[in-house]
Every structure is written in C-alpha cells, then in structure tokens.
Amino acid sequence: MDERTIRRSIKRLKDAGYLTVQTTIKEDADRGFIKRNTYYIAPIKTNYFFLDNSFFQKNYPAKIAGFLLLLKAICLNNTDTIQ
C-alpha cells in the first residue's frame, strides 16, 4: 500500500471521528528529534464483537469458519449470548 493511500485513509477516519492521532516528539542524542504517532481507534458502542487471534490459528474449513463468524455476529455485544 502506498503512503498516499495511508494518509488519505487516516484523514478520512479522523474526519469521521473514528481515529485519534497523538504525536509525541522525543530528543535523541544521535538522531536529533524523533516524531512518533500513536493511533487510537474509538470504540463502537453497538454491533461489535471481539475475535481472539487463536481463531485464525485453527484449521477450520471455510464454511465452518464463516458459520462461526455469522453466529458470533448475532450475539449480544461482547458476549456469546443470543437473545
């Protein structure tokens, strides 16, 4: 992905209120001033779920993995409960 695409995407996410960027400047004796950006993604209050990385390490067939993701998507937020 080229740098222009990344800059454009960051701007769109910031403008929409989904992303905050915090810039810190540190002084290094050898390299001078170093500028670092830290990116914070705003949490969404509804319609979300967390997926543990171990899900991708398991060797599920594509149809089973898709079904599990769809099932997780209809659960209550941040739970494994269907109402």
C-alpha atoms as a PDB file:
ATOM      1  CA  MET A   1       0.000   0.000   0.000  1.00  0.00           C
ATOM      2  CA  ASP A   2       1.453   3.355  -0.934  1.00  0.00           C
ATOM      3  CA  GLU A   3       1.894   6.224   1.520  1.00  0.00           C
ATOM      4  CA  ARG A   4      -0.692   8.441  -0.191  1.00  0.00           C
ATOM      5  CA  THR A   5      -3.409   5.818   0.331  1.00  0.00           C
ATOM      6  CA  ILE A   6      -2.495   5.503   4.006  1.00  0.00           C
ATOM      7  CA  ARG A   7      -2.547   9.287   4.520  1.00  0.00           C
ATOM      8  CA  ARG A   8      -5.917   9.568   2.779  1.00  0.00           C
ATOM      9  CA  SER A   9      -7.385   6.723   4.854  1.00  0.00           C
ATOM     10  CA  ILE A  10      -6.117   8.208   8.123  1.00  0.00           C
ATOM     11  CA  LYS A  11      -7.619  11.587   7.215  1.00  0.00           C
ATOM     12  CA  ARG A  12     -10.999  10.027   6.396  1.00  0.00           C
ATOM     13  CA  LEU A  13     -11.045   8.062   9.671  1.00  0.00           C
ATOM     14  CA  LYS A  14     -10.067  11.171  11.686  1.00  0.00           C
ATOM     15  CA  ASP A  15     -12.699  13.310   9.942  1.00  0.00           C
ATOM     16  CA  ALA A  16     -15.372  10.702  10.696  1.00  0.00           C
ATOM     17  CA  GLY A  17     -14.356  10.625  14.379  1.00  0.00           C
ATOM     18  CA  TYR A  18     -13.201   7.001  14.381  1.00  0.00           C
ATOM     19  CA  LEU A  19      -9.496   7.697  14.825  1.00  0.00           C
ATOM     20  CA  THR A  20      -7.421   9.977  17.062  1.00  0.00           C
ATOM     21  CA  VAL A  21      -3.721  10.588  16.498  1.00  0.00           C
ATOM     22  CA  GLN A  22      -1.390  11.630  19.317  1.00  0.00           C
ATOM     23  CA  THR A  23       2.032  12.909  18.225  1.00  0.00           C
ATOM     24  CA  THR A  24       4.982  12.879  20.619  1.00  0.00           C
ATOM     25  CA  ILE A  25       8.411  14.335  19.930  1.00  0.00           C
ATOM     26  CA  LYS A  26      11.455  12.889  21.689  1.00  0.00           C
ATOM     27  CA  GLU A  27      15.010  14.111  21.541  1.00  0.00           C
ATOM     28  CA  ASP A  28      17.717  11.574  20.755  1.00  0.00           C
ATOM     29  CA  ALA A  29      21.401  12.459  21.141  1.00  0.00           C
ATOM     30  CA  ASP A  30      22.386  10.611  17.960  1.00  0.00           C
ATOM     31  CA  ARG A  31      19.408  11.187  15.679  1.00  0.00           C
ATOM     32  CA  GLY A  32      18.056  14.544  16.858  1.00  0.00           C
ATOM     33  CA  PHE A  33      14.312  14.914  17.291  1.00  0.00           C
ATOM     34  CA  ILE A  34      12.128  11.857  16.666  1.00  0.00           C
ATOM     35  CA  LYS A  35       8.434  12.281  15.933  1.00  0.00           C
ATOM     36  CA  ARG A  36       6.140   9.338  16.826  1.00  0.00           C
ATOM     37  CA  ASN A  37       2.433   8.986  16.153  1.00  0.00           C
ATOM     38  CA  THR A  38       0.170   6.836  18.310  1.00  0.00           C
ATOM     39  CA  TYR A  39      -3.199   5.920  16.787  1.00  0.00           C
ATOM     40  CA  TYR A  40      -6.306   5.350  18.900  1.00  0.00           C
ATOM     41  CA  ILE A  41      -9.430   3.771  17.434  1.00  0.00           C
ATOM     42  CA  ALA A  42     -12.633   4.972  19.075  1.00  0.00           C
ATOM     43  CA  PRO A  43     -14.650   2.051  20.468  1.00  0.00           C
ATOM     44  CA  ILE A  44     -18.056   1.497  18.927  1.00  0.00           C
ATOM     45  CA  LYS A  45     -20.854   1.101  21.443  1.00  0.00           C
ATOM     46  CA  THR A  46     -23.133  -1.175  19.400  1.00  0.00           C
ATOM     47  CA  ASN A  47     -22.907  -4.028  16.929  1.00  0.00           C
ATOM     48  CA  TYR A  48     -19.437  -5.347  17.675  1.00  0.00           C
ATOM     49  CA  PHE A  49     -17.677  -8.472  18.872  1.00  0.00           C
ATOM     50  CA  PHE A  50     -14.136  -9.412  19.781  1.00  0.00           C
ATOM     51  CA  LEU A  51     -12.402 -12.229  17.986  1.00  0.00           C
ATOM     52  CA  ASP A  52      -9.413 -13.885  19.608  1.00  0.00           C
ATOM     53  CA  ASN A  53      -6.356 -14.440  17.401  1.00  0.00           C
ATOM     54  CA  SER A  54      -6.476 -18.155  18.169  1.00  0.00           C
ATOM     55  CA  PHE A  55      -9.497 -18.350  15.833  1.00  0.00           C
ATOM     56  CA  PHE A  56      -7.155 -17.802  12.876  1.00  0.00           C
ATOM     57  CA  GLN A  57      -4.663 -20.393  14.101  1.00  0.00           C
ATOM     58  CA  LYS A  58      -7.237 -23.186  13.968  1.00  0.00           C
ATOM     59  CA  ASN A  59      -7.659 -25.007  10.708  1.00  0.00           C
ATOM     60  CA  TYR A  60     -11.431 -24.686  10.245  1.00  0.00           C
ATOM     61  CA  PRO A  61     -12.882 -25.393   6.810  1.00  0.00           C
ATOM     62  CA  ALA A  62     -14.031 -22.135   5.167  1.00  0.00           C
ATOM     63  CA  LYS A  63     -17.760 -22.907   5.550  1.00  0.00           C
ATOM     64  CA  ILE A  64     -17.403 -23.738   9.268  1.00  0.00           C
ATOM     65  CA  ALA A  65     -15.321 -20.605   9.939  1.00  0.00           C
ATOM     66  CA  GLY A  66     -17.886 -18.481   8.091  1.00  0.00           C
ATOM     67  CA  PHE A  67     -20.746 -20.033  10.056  1.00  0.00           C
ATOM     68  CA  LEU A  68     -18.966 -19.421  13.374  1.00  0.00           C
ATOM     69  CA  LEU A  69     -18.375 -15.761  12.469  1.00  0.00           C
ATOM     70  CA  LEU A  70     -22.007 -15.298  11.443  1.00  0.00           C
ATOM     71  CA  LEU A  71     -23.170 -16.943  14.657  1.00  0.00           C
ATOM     72  CA  LYS A  72     -20.894 -14.688  16.701  1.00  0.00           C
ATOM     73  CA  ALA A  73     -22.197 -11.629  14.817  1.00  0.00           C
ATOM     74  CA  ILE A  74     -25.775 -12.157  16.025  1.00  0.00           C
ATOM     75  CA  CYS A  75     -24.777 -12.493  19.704  1.00  0.00           C
ATOM     76  CA  LEU A  76     -25.287  -9.674  22.184  1.00  0.00           C
ATOM     77  CA  ASN A  77     -22.400  -7.207  22.290  1.00  0.00           C
ATOM     78  CA  ASN A  78     -19.219  -8.627  23.809  1.00  0.00           C
ATOM     79  CA  THR A  79     -20.923 -11.896  24.835  1.00  0.00           C
ATOM     80  CA  ASP A  80     -21.626 -15.351  23.467  1.00  0.00           C
ATOM     81  CA  THR A  81     -25.348 -14.992  24.231  1.00  0.00           C
ATOM     82  CA  ILE A  82     -28.192 -14.884  21.718  1.00  0.00           C
ATOM     83  CA  GLN A  83     -31.383 -13.262  22.925  1.00  0.00           C
END
